[in-house]
Each structure stands twice: as C-alpha cells, then as structure tokens.
Amino acid sequence: VLFGINRREIPARSLETVAVALERAGLAIDTRCRSGTC
C-alpha cells in the first residue's frame, strides 16, 4: 500500500475485497456504497 511518501505491506484474502484487507490492517479508506458505484 502506497499512501503519500509511506508504504506498507499487508495480507489480503482472495475472497475479501481490497477495502476489507485495508480495514483489517487498520488502514481504513473512505468507502460509502461498498459496491463499486460511488
């Protein structure tokens, strides 16, 4: 994950979305619809 000048490696399960993987690692991004539309 690249954000600004920072980077971090996190695990991601294939049956969960990238957003869920980020949240599981404490990197919560701004999600609203959670379905790919907004």
PDB file of all heavy atoms in Angstrom:
ATOM      1  N   VAL A   1       0.844  -1.195   0.000  1.00  0.00           N
ATOM      2  CA  VAL A   1       0.000   0.000   0.000  1.00  0.00           C
ATOM      3  C   VAL A   1       0.877   1.242   0.000  1.00  0.00           C
ATOM      4  O   VAL A   1       1.737   1.408   0.874  1.00  0.00           O
ATOM      5  CB  VAL A   1      -0.931   0.018   1.234  1.00  0.00           C
ATOM      6  CG1 VAL A   1      -1.903   1.193   1.145  1.00  0.00           C
ATOM      7  CG2 VAL A   1      -1.690  -1.297   1.365  1.00  0.00           C
ATOM      8  N   LEU A   2       0.677   2.111  -0.975  1.00  0.00           N
ATOM      9  CA  LEU A   2       1.406   3.372  -1.078  1.00  0.00           C
ATOM     10  C   LEU A   2       0.450   4.507  -0.736  1.00  0.00           C
ATOM     11  O   LEU A   2      -0.617   4.632  -1.333  1.00  0.00           O
ATOM     12  CB  LEU A   2       1.941   3.570  -2.498  1.00  0.00           C
ATOM     13  CG  LEU A   2       2.736   2.402  -3.110  1.00  0.00           C
ATOM     14  CD1 LEU A   2       3.119   2.733  -4.553  1.00  0.00           C
ATOM     15  CD2 LEU A   2       3.975   2.101  -2.283  1.00  0.00           C
ATOM     16  N   PHE A   3       0.807   5.316   0.267  1.00  0.00           N
ATOM     17  CA  PHE A   3      -0.011   6.480   0.607  1.00  0.00           C
ATOM     18  C   PHE A   3       0.927   7.614   0.979  1.00  0.00           C
ATOM     19  O   PHE A   3       1.695   7.537   1.926  1.00  0.00           O
ATOM     20  CB  PHE A   3      -1.013   6.175   1.724  1.00  0.00           C
ATOM     21  CG  PHE A   3      -0.457   5.454   2.917  1.00  0.00           C
ATOM     22  CD1 PHE A   3      -0.234   6.126   4.109  1.00  0.00           C
ATOM     23  CD2 PHE A   3      -0.152   4.105   2.857  1.00  0.00           C
ATOM     24  CE1 PHE A   3       0.274   5.466   5.220  1.00  0.00           C
ATOM     25  CE2 PHE A   3       0.353   3.438   3.965  1.00  0.00           C
ATOM     26  CZ  PHE A   3       0.570   4.120   5.151  1.00  0.00           C
ATOM     27  N   GLY A   4       0.912   8.676   0.154  1.00  0.00           N
ATOM     28  CA  GLY A   4       1.878   9.757   0.314  1.00  0.00           C
ATOM     29  C   GLY A   4       3.283   9.226   0.082  1.00  0.00           C
ATOM     30  O   GLY A   4       3.565   8.557  -0.903  1.00  0.00           O
ATOM     31  N   ILE A   5       4.194   9.506   1.022  1.00  0.00           N
ATOM     32  CA  ILE A   5       5.567   9.002   0.914  1.00  0.00           C
ATOM     33  C   ILE A   5       5.726   7.693   1.684  1.00  0.00           C
ATOM     34  O   ILE A   5       6.842   7.158   1.777  1.00  0.00           O
ATOM     35  CB  ILE A   5       6.575  10.050   1.438  1.00  0.00           C
ATOM     36  CG1 ILE A   5       6.303  10.335   2.928  1.00  0.00           C
ATOM     37  CG2 ILE A   5       6.508  11.319   0.607  1.00  0.00           C
ATOM     38  CD1 ILE A   5       7.371  11.225   3.563  1.00  0.00           C
ATOM     39  N   ASN A   6       4.648   7.173   2.220  1.00  0.00           N
ATOM     40  CA  ASN A   6       4.692   5.970   3.042  1.00  0.00           C
ATOM     41  C   ASN A   6       4.317   4.735   2.239  1.00  0.00           C
ATOM     42  O   ASN A   6       3.639   4.816   1.213  1.00  0.00           O
ATOM     43  CB  ASN A   6       3.740   6.118   4.239  1.00  0.00           C
ATOM     44  CG  ASN A   6       4.073   7.313   5.101  1.00  0.00           C
ATOM     45  OD1 ASN A   6       5.168   7.422   5.623  1.00  0.00           O
ATOM     46  ND2 ASN A   6       3.122   8.238   5.228  1.00  0.00           N
ATOM     47  N   ARG A   7       4.736   3.592   2.730  1.00  0.00           N
ATOM     48  CA  ARG A   7       4.359   2.321   2.138  1.00  0.00           C
ATOM     49  C   ARG A   7       4.255   1.280   3.240  1.00  0.00           C
ATOM     50  O   ARG A   7       4.928   1.360   4.266  1.00  0.00           O
ATOM     51  CB  ARG A   7       5.350   1.865   1.059  1.00  0.00           C
ATOM     52  CG  ARG A   7       6.739   1.576   1.545  1.00  0.00           C
ATOM     53  CD  ARG A   7       7.684   1.264   0.392  1.00  0.00           C
ATOM     54  NE  ARG A   7       7.402   0.000  -0.246  1.00  0.00           N
ATOM     55  CZ  ARG A   7       7.376  -0.171  -1.562  1.00  0.00           C
ATOM     56  NH1 ARG A   7       7.591   0.841  -2.379  1.00  0.00           N
ATOM     57  NH2 ARG A   7       7.130  -1.365  -2.060  1.00  0.00           N
ATOM     58  N   ARG A   8       3.374   0.316   3.006  1.00  0.00           N
ATOM     59  CA  ARG A   8       3.189  -0.741   3.993  1.00  0.00           C
ATOM     60  C   ARG A   8       2.706  -1.995   3.289  1.00  0.00           C
ATOM     61  O   ARG A   8       1.942  -1.912   2.320  1.00  0.00           O
ATOM     62  CB  ARG A   8       2.167  -0.296   5.048  1.00  0.00           C
ATOM     63  CG  ARG A   8       1.906  -1.337   6.124  1.00  0.00           C
ATOM     64  CD  ARG A   8       0.987  -0.778   7.191  1.00  0.00           C
ATOM     65  NE  ARG A   8       0.482  -1.823   8.058  1.00  0.00           N
ATOM     66  CZ  ARG A   8      -0.439  -1.641   8.991  1.00  0.00           C
ATOM     67  NH1 ARG A   8      -0.966  -0.436   9.186  1.00  0.00           N
ATOM     68  NH2 ARG A   8      -0.865  -2.650   9.737  1.00  0.00           N
ATOM     69  N   GLU A   9       3.155  -3.136   3.754  1.00  0.00           N
ATOM     70  CA  GLU A   9       2.715  -4.407   3.188  1.00  0.00           C
ATOM     71  C   GLU A   9       1.700  -5.058   4.123  1.00  0.00           C
ATOM     72  O   GLU A   9       1.930  -5.141   5.329  1.00  0.00           O
ATOM     73  CB  GLU A   9       3.901  -5.341   2.957  1.00  0.00           C
ATOM     74  CG  GLU A   9       4.827  -4.865   1.850  1.00  0.00           C
ATOM     75  CD  GLU A   9       5.895  -5.901   1.509  1.00  0.00           C
ATOM     76  OE1 GLU A   9       5.974  -6.935   2.228  1.00  0.00           O
ATOM     77  OE2 GLU A   9       6.627  -5.696   0.536  1.00  0.00           O
ATOM     78  N   ILE A  10       0.585  -5.514   3.556  1.00  0.00           N
ATOM     79  CA  ILE A  10      -0.472  -6.133   4.354  1.00  0.00           C
ATOM     80  C   ILE A  10      -0.957  -7.403   3.658  1.00  0.00           C
ATOM     81  O   ILE A  10      -0.854  -7.528   2.432  1.00  0.00           O
ATOM     82  CB  ILE A  10      -1.663  -5.177   4.565  1.00  0.00           C
ATOM     83  CG1 ILE A  10      -2.347  -4.875   3.231  1.00  0.00           C
ATOM     84  CG2 ILE A  10      -1.214  -3.882   5.237  1.00  0.00           C
ATOM     85  CD1 ILE A  10      -3.656  -4.114   3.355  1.00  0.00           C
ATOM     86  N   PRO A  11      -1.491  -8.372   4.410  1.00  0.00           N
ATOM     87  CA  PRO A  11      -2.060  -9.568   3.790  1.00  0.00           C
ATOM     88  C   PRO A  11      -3.455  -9.280   3.244  1.00  0.00           C
ATOM     89  O   PRO A  11      -4.174  -8.426   3.762  1.00  0.00           O
ATOM     90  CB  PRO A  11      -2.112 -10.568   4.950  1.00  0.00           C
ATOM     91  CG  PRO A  11      -2.268  -9.707   6.165  1.00  0.00           C
ATOM     92  CD  PRO A  11      -1.483  -8.441   5.879  1.00  0.00           C
ATOM     93  N   ALA A  12      -3.827 -10.001   2.206  1.00  0.00           N
ATOM     94  CA  ALA A  12      -5.152  -9.810   1.602  1.00  0.00           C
ATOM     95  C   ALA A  12      -5.709 -11.174   1.196  1.00  0.00           C
ATOM     96  O   ALA A  12      -5.070 -11.916   0.455  1.00  0.00           O
ATOM     97  CB  ALA A  12      -5.066  -8.905   0.382  1.00  0.00           C
ATOM     98  N   ARG A  13      -6.892 -11.468   1.677  1.00  0.00           N
ATOM     99  CA  ARG A  13      -7.546 -12.724   1.339  1.00  0.00           C
ATOM    100  C   ARG A  13      -8.278 -12.601   0.007  1.00  0.00           C
ATOM    101  O   ARG A  13      -8.913 -11.579  -0.266  1.00  0.00           O
ATOM    102  CB  ARG A  13      -8.536 -13.105   2.445  1.00  0.00           C
ATOM    103  CG  ARG A  13      -7.882 -13.275   3.808  1.00  0.00           C
ATOM    104  CD  ARG A  13      -8.924 -13.458   4.887  1.00  0.00           C
ATOM    105  NE  ARG A  13      -8.313 -13.505   6.221  1.00  0.00           N
ATOM    106  CZ  ARG A  13      -9.005 -13.520   7.350  1.00  0.00           C
ATOM    107  NH1 ARG A  13     -10.325 -13.466   7.317  1.00  0.00           N
ATOM    108  NH2 ARG A  13      -8.377 -13.577   8.508  1.00  0.00           N
ATOM    109  N   SER A  14      -8.219 -13.647  -0.783  1.00  0.00           N
ATOM    110  CA  SER A  14      -8.793 -13.574  -2.134  1.00  0.00           C
ATOM    111  C   SER A  14     -10.312 -13.443  -2.131  1.00  0.00           C
ATOM    112  O   SER A  14     -10.887 -12.929  -3.096  1.00  0.00           O
ATOM    113  CB  SER A  14      -8.399 -14.824  -2.927  1.00  0.00           C
ATOM    114  OG  SER A  14      -8.893 -15.998  -2.289  1.00  0.00           O
ATOM    115  N   LEU A  15     -10.976 -13.887  -1.075  1.00  0.00           N
ATOM    116  CA  LEU A  15     -12.432 -13.841  -1.040  1.00  0.00           C
ATOM    117  C   LEU A  15     -12.956 -12.616  -0.298  1.00  0.00           C
ATOM    118  O   LEU A  15     -14.147 -12.528  -0.008  1.00  0.00           O
ATOM    119  CB  LEU A  15     -12.985 -15.120  -0.394  1.00  0.00           C
ATOM    120  CG  LEU A  15     -12.618 -16.418  -1.115  1.00  0.00           C
ATOM    121  CD1 LEU A  15     -13.279 -17.606  -0.441  1.00  0.00           C
ATOM    122  CD2 LEU A  15     -13.007 -16.364  -2.591  1.00  0.00           C
ATOM    123  N   GLU A  16     -12.058 -11.684   0.006  1.00  0.00           N
ATOM    124  CA  GLU A  16     -12.457 -10.403   0.588  1.00  0.00           C
ATOM    125  C   GLU A  16     -11.933  -9.281  -0.299  1.00  0.00           C
ATOM    126  O   GLU A  16     -10.915  -9.421  -0.960  1.00  0.00           O
ATOM    127  CB  GLU A  16     -11.905 -10.249   2.002  1.00  0.00           C
ATOM    128  CG  GLU A  16     -12.514 -11.228   2.997  1.00  0.00           C
ATOM    129  CD  GLU A  16     -11.969 -11.031   4.397  1.00  0.00           C
ATOM    130  OE1 GLU A  16     -10.822 -10.588   4.538  1.00  0.00           O
ATOM    131  OE2 GLU A  16     -12.704 -11.320   5.342  1.00  0.00           O
ATOM    132  N   THR A  17     -12.638  -8.160  -0.283  1.00  0.00           N
ATOM    133  CA  THR A  17     -12.233  -7.058  -1.142  1.00  0.00           C
ATOM    134  C   THR A  17     -10.947  -6.409  -0.637  1.00  0.00           C
ATOM    135  O   THR A  17     -10.545  -6.581   0.520  1.00  0.00           O
ATOM    136  CB  THR A  17     -13.324  -5.984  -1.226  1.00  0.00           C
ATOM    137  OG1 THR A  17     -13.519  -5.409   0.072  1.00  0.00           O
ATOM    138  CG2 THR A  17     -14.629  -6.567  -1.733  1.00  0.00           C
ATOM    139  N   VAL A  18     -10.327  -5.652  -1.523  1.00  0.00           N
ATOM    140  CA  VAL A  18      -9.121  -4.902  -1.148  1.00  0.00           C
ATOM    141  C   VAL A  18      -9.441  -3.941  -0.007  1.00  0.00           C
ATOM    142  O   VAL A  18      -8.638  -3.764   0.916  1.00  0.00           O
ATOM    143  CB  VAL A  18      -8.564  -4.140  -2.370  1.00  0.00           C
ATOM    144  CG1 VAL A  18      -7.416  -3.217  -1.958  1.00  0.00           C
ATOM    145  CG2 VAL A  18      -8.097  -5.126  -3.450  1.00  0.00           C
ATOM    146  N   ALA A  19     -10.631  -3.337  -0.029  1.00  0.00           N
ATOM    147  CA  ALA A  19     -11.022  -2.415   1.038  1.00  0.00           C
ATOM    148  C   ALA A  19     -11.072  -3.121   2.383  1.00  0.00           C
ATOM    149  O   ALA A  19     -10.624  -2.579   3.403  1.00  0.00           O
ATOM    150  CB  ALA A  19     -12.377  -1.788   0.727  1.00  0.00           C
ATOM    151  N   VAL A  20     -11.600  -4.342   2.412  1.00  0.00           N
ATOM    152  CA  VAL A  20     -11.662  -5.096   3.663  1.00  0.00           C
ATOM    153  C   VAL A  20     -10.258  -5.420   4.159  1.00  0.00           C
ATOM    154  O   VAL A  20      -9.969  -5.341   5.358  1.00  0.00           O
ATOM    155  CB  VAL A  20     -12.496  -6.378   3.478  1.00  0.00           C
ATOM    156  CG1 VAL A  20     -12.351  -7.302   4.683  1.00  0.00           C
ATOM    157  CG2 VAL A  20     -13.966  -6.030   3.270  1.00  0.00           C
ATOM    158  N   ALA A  21      -9.356  -5.784   3.241  1.00  0.00           N
ATOM    159  CA  ALA A  21      -7.969  -6.064   3.626  1.00  0.00           C
ATOM    160  C   ALA A  21      -7.320  -4.825   4.242  1.00  0.00           C
ATOM    161  O   ALA A  21      -6.606  -4.915   5.257  1.00  0.00           O
ATOM    162  CB  ALA A  21      -7.172  -6.533   2.410  1.00  0.00           C
ATOM    163  N   LEU A  22      -7.558  -3.669   3.649  1.00  0.00           N
ATOM    164  CA  LEU A  22      -7.015  -2.419   4.195  1.00  0.00           C
ATOM    165  C   LEU A  22      -7.584  -2.148   5.589  1.00  0.00           C
ATOM    166  O   LEU A  22      -6.843  -1.800   6.517  1.00  0.00           O
ATOM    167  CB  LEU A  22      -7.350  -1.258   3.263  1.00  0.00           C
ATOM    168  CG  LEU A  22      -6.645  -1.240   1.896  1.00  0.00           C
ATOM    169  CD1 LEU A  22      -7.270  -0.198   0.988  1.00  0.00           C
ATOM    170  CD2 LEU A  22      -5.157  -0.963   2.061  1.00  0.00           C
ATOM    171  N   GLU A  23      -8.884  -2.329   5.740  1.00  0.00           N
ATOM    172  CA  GLU A  23      -9.520  -2.080   7.039  1.00  0.00           C
ATOM    173  C   GLU A  23      -9.021  -3.059   8.093  1.00  0.00           C
ATOM    174  O   GLU A  23      -8.805  -2.685   9.253  1.00  0.00           O
ATOM    175  CB  GLU A  23     -11.039  -2.172   6.886  1.00  0.00           C
ATOM    176  CG  GLU A  23     -11.623  -1.035   6.059  1.00  0.00           C
ATOM    177  CD  GLU A  23     -13.052  -1.282   5.636  1.00  0.00           C
ATOM    178  OE1 GLU A  23     -13.506  -2.450   5.702  1.00  0.00           O
ATOM    179  OE2 GLU A  23     -13.718  -0.318   5.230  1.00  0.00           O
ATOM    180  N   ARG A  24      -8.832  -4.312   7.701  1.00  0.00           N
ATOM    181  CA  ARG A  24      -8.349  -5.321   8.644  1.00  0.00           C
ATOM    182  C   ARG A  24      -6.960  -4.945   9.171  1.00  0.00           C
ATOM    183  O   ARG A  24      -6.610  -5.262  10.311  1.00  0.00           O
ATOM    184  CB  ARG A  24      -8.306  -6.683   7.958  1.00  0.00           C
ATOM    185  CG  ARG A  24      -8.050  -7.846   8.903  1.00  0.00           C
ATOM    186  CD  ARG A  24      -7.935  -9.138   8.120  1.00  0.00           C
ATOM    187  NE  ARG A  24      -9.171  -9.464   7.432  1.00  0.00           N
ATOM    188  CZ  ARG A  24     -10.238  -9.992   8.019  1.00  0.00           C
ATOM    189  NH1 ARG A  24     -10.215 -10.234   9.319  1.00  0.00           N
ATOM    190  NH2 ARG A  24     -11.312 -10.267   7.327  1.00  0.00           N
ATOM    191  N   ALA A  25      -6.196  -4.260   8.323  1.00  0.00           N
ATOM    192  CA  ALA A  25      -4.837  -3.855   8.709  1.00  0.00           C
ATOM    193  C   ALA A  25      -4.817  -2.488   9.383  1.00  0.00           C
ATOM    194  O   ALA A  25      -3.748  -1.945   9.663  1.00  0.00           O
ATOM    195  CB  ALA A  25      -3.935  -3.846   7.483  1.00  0.00           C
ATOM    196  N   GLY A  26      -5.989  -1.923   9.638  1.00  0.00           N
ATOM    197  CA  GLY A  26      -6.044  -0.614  10.287  1.00  0.00           C
ATOM    198  C   GLY A  26      -5.849   0.550   9.353  1.00  0.00           C
ATOM    199  O   GLY A  26      -5.567   1.669   9.795  1.00  0.00           O
ATOM    200  N   LEU A  27      -6.011   0.321   8.046  1.00  0.00           N
ATOM    201  CA  LEU A  27      -5.855   1.380   7.045  1.00  0.00           C
ATOM    202  C   LEU A  27      -7.216   1.652   6.404  1.00  0.00           C
ATOM    203  O   LEU A  27      -7.477   1.280   5.267  1.00  0.00           O
ATOM    204  CB  LEU A  27      -4.840   0.977   5.974  1.00  0.00           C
ATOM    205  CG  LEU A  27      -3.431   0.632   6.481  1.00  0.00           C
ATOM    206  CD1 LEU A  27      -2.565   0.120   5.328  1.00  0.00           C
ATOM    207  CD2 LEU A  27      -2.782   1.861   7.107  1.00  0.00           C
ATOM    208  N   ALA A  28      -8.102   2.272   7.142  1.00  0.00           N
ATOM    209  CA  ALA A  28      -9.467   2.468   6.671  1.00  0.00           C
ATOM    210  C   ALA A  28      -9.546   3.599   5.653  1.00  0.00           C
ATOM    211  O   ALA A  28      -9.252   4.748   5.968  1.00  0.00           O
ATOM    212  CB  ALA A  28     -10.391   2.748   7.849  1.00  0.00           C
ATOM    213  N   ILE A  29      -9.946   3.279   4.428  1.00  0.00           N
ATOM    214  CA  ILE A  29     -10.139   4.302   3.409  1.00  0.00           C
ATOM    215  C   ILE A  29     -11.602   4.735   3.411  1.00  0.00           C
ATOM    216  O   ILE A  29     -12.444   4.139   4.076  1.00  0.00           O
ATOM    217  CB  ILE A  29      -9.723   3.792   2.014  1.00  0.00           C
ATOM    218  CG1 ILE A  29     -10.565   2.576   1.608  1.00  0.00           C
ATOM    219  CG2 ILE A  29      -8.251   3.453   1.991  1.00  0.00           C
ATOM    220  CD1 ILE A  29     -10.283   2.101   0.196  1.00  0.00           C
ATOM    221  N   ASP A  30     -11.899   5.778   2.655  1.00  0.00           N
ATOM    222  CA  ASP A  30     -13.242   6.338   2.636  1.00  0.00           C
ATOM    223  C   ASP A  30     -14.125   5.508   1.710  1.00  0.00           C
ATOM    224  O   ASP A  30     -14.053   5.618   0.492  1.00  0.00           O
ATOM    225  CB  ASP A  30     -13.194   7.792   2.166  1.00  0.00           C
ATOM    226  CG  ASP A  30     -14.500   8.522   2.415  1.00  0.00           C
ATOM    227  OD1 ASP A  30     -15.462   7.862   2.854  1.00  0.00           O
ATOM    228  OD2 ASP A  30     -14.565   9.737   2.177  1.00  0.00           O
ATOM    229  N   THR A  31     -14.939   4.636   2.276  1.00  0.00           N
ATOM    230  CA  THR A  31     -15.880   3.837   1.485  1.00  0.00           C
ATOM    231  C   THR A  31     -17.289   4.178   1.921  1.00  0.00           C
ATOM    232  O   THR A  31     -17.557   4.316   3.106  1.00  0.00           O
ATOM    233  CB  THR A  31     -15.638   2.334   1.689  1.00  0.00           C
ATOM    234  OG1 THR A  31     -15.765   2.020   3.079  1.00  0.00           O
ATOM    235  CG2 THR A  31     -14.252   1.930   1.218  1.00  0.00           C
ATOM    236  N   ARG A  32     -18.188   4.286   0.963  1.00  0.00           N
ATOM    237  CA  ARG A  32     -19.568   4.651   1.282  1.00  0.00           C
ATOM    238  C   ARG A  32     -20.556   3.613   0.753  1.00  0.00           C
ATOM    239  O   ARG A  32     -21.280   2.988   1.509  1.00  0.00           O
ATOM    240  CB  ARG A  32     -19.880   6.040   0.750  1.00  0.00           C
ATOM    241  CG  ARG A  32     -18.914   7.076   1.339  1.00  0.00           C
ATOM    242  CD  ARG A  32     -19.367   8.488   1.191  1.00  0.00           C
ATOM    243  NE  ARG A  32     -18.381   9.398   1.790  1.00  0.00           N
ATOM    244  CZ  ARG A  32     -18.558  10.694   1.926  1.00  0.00           C
ATOM    245  NH1 ARG A  32     -19.667  11.269   1.509  1.00  0.00           N
ATOM    246  NH2 ARG A  32     -17.616  11.450   2.475  1.00  0.00           N
ATOM    247  N   CYS A  33     -20.542   3.383  -0.551  1.00  0.00           N
ATOM    248  CA  CYS A  33     -21.502   2.418  -1.088  1.00  0.00           C
ATOM    249  C   CYS A  33     -21.069   0.978  -0.854  1.00  0.00           C
ATOM    250  O   CYS A  33     -21.892   0.088  -0.763  1.00  0.00           O
ATOM    251  CB  CYS A  33     -21.703   2.649  -2.581  1.00  0.00           C
ATOM    252  SG  CYS A  33     -20.279   2.174  -3.597  1.00  0.00           S
ATOM    253  N   ARG A  34     -19.756   0.730  -0.810  1.00  0.00           N
ATOM    254  CA  ARG A  34     -19.165  -0.604  -0.663  1.00  0.00           C
ATOM    255  C   ARG A  34     -19.624  -1.560  -1.766  1.00  0.00           C
ATOM    256  O   ARG A  34     -19.667  -2.779  -1.571  1.00  0.00           O
ATOM    257  CB  ARG A  34     -19.459  -1.190   0.716  1.00  0.00           C
ATOM    258  CG  ARG A  34     -18.964  -0.333   1.868  1.00  0.00           C
ATOM    259  CD  ARG A  34     -19.004  -1.072   3.178  1.00  0.00           C
ATOM    260  NE  ARG A  34     -17.937  -2.061   3.254  1.00  0.00           N
ATOM    261  CZ  ARG A  34     -16.696  -1.805   3.664  1.00  0.00           C
ATOM    262  NH1 ARG A  34     -16.340  -0.577   4.010  1.00  0.00           N
ATOM    263  NH2 ARG A  34     -15.808  -2.760   3.716  1.00  0.00           N
ATOM    264  N   SER A  35     -19.911  -1.020  -2.922  1.00  0.00           N
ATOM    265  CA  SER A  35     -20.345  -1.861  -4.033  1.00  0.00           C
ATOM    266  C   SER A  35     -19.768  -1.418  -5.372  1.00  0.00           C
ATOM    267  O   SER A  35     -20.205  -1.870  -6.418  1.00  0.00           O
ATOM    268  CB  SER A  35     -21.875  -1.879  -4.117  1.00  0.00           C
ATOM    269  OG  SER A  35     -22.371  -0.569  -4.313  1.00  0.00           O
ATOM    270  N   GLY A  36     -18.806  -0.484  -5.339  1.00  0.00           N
ATOM    271  CA  GLY A  36     -18.134  -0.088  -6.575  1.00  0.00           C
ATOM    272  C   GLY A  36     -18.825   0.985  -7.382  1.00  0.00           C
ATOM    273  O   GLY A  36     -18.464   1.201  -8.544  1.00  0.00           O
ATOM    274  N   THR A  37     -19.796   1.674  -6.802  1.00  0.00           N
ATOM    275  CA  THR A  37     -20.560   2.623  -7.602  1.00  0.00           C
ATOM    276  C   THR A  37     -20.307   4.092  -7.278  1.00  0.00           C
ATOM    277  O   THR A  37     -20.401   4.934  -8.165  1.00  0.00           O
ATOM    278  CB  THR A  37     -22.067   2.347  -7.473  1.00  0.00           C
ATOM    279  OG1 THR A  37     -22.436   2.399  -6.091  1.00  0.00           O
ATOM    280  CG2 THR A  37     -22.419   0.977  -8.022  1.00  0.00           C
ATOM    281  N   CYS A  38     -20.012   4.428  -6.019  1.00  0.00           N
ATOM    282  CA  CYS A  38     -19.952   5.853  -5.661  1.00  0.00           C
ATOM    283  C   CYS A  38     -18.604   6.507  -6.006  1.00  0.00           C
ATOM    284  O   CYS A  38     -18.544   7.701  -6.266  1.00  0.00           O
ATOM    285  CB  CYS A  38     -20.264   6.054  -4.180  1.00  0.00           C
ATOM    286  SG  CYS A  38     -18.920   5.605  -3.036  1.00  0.00           S
TER     287      CYS A  38
END
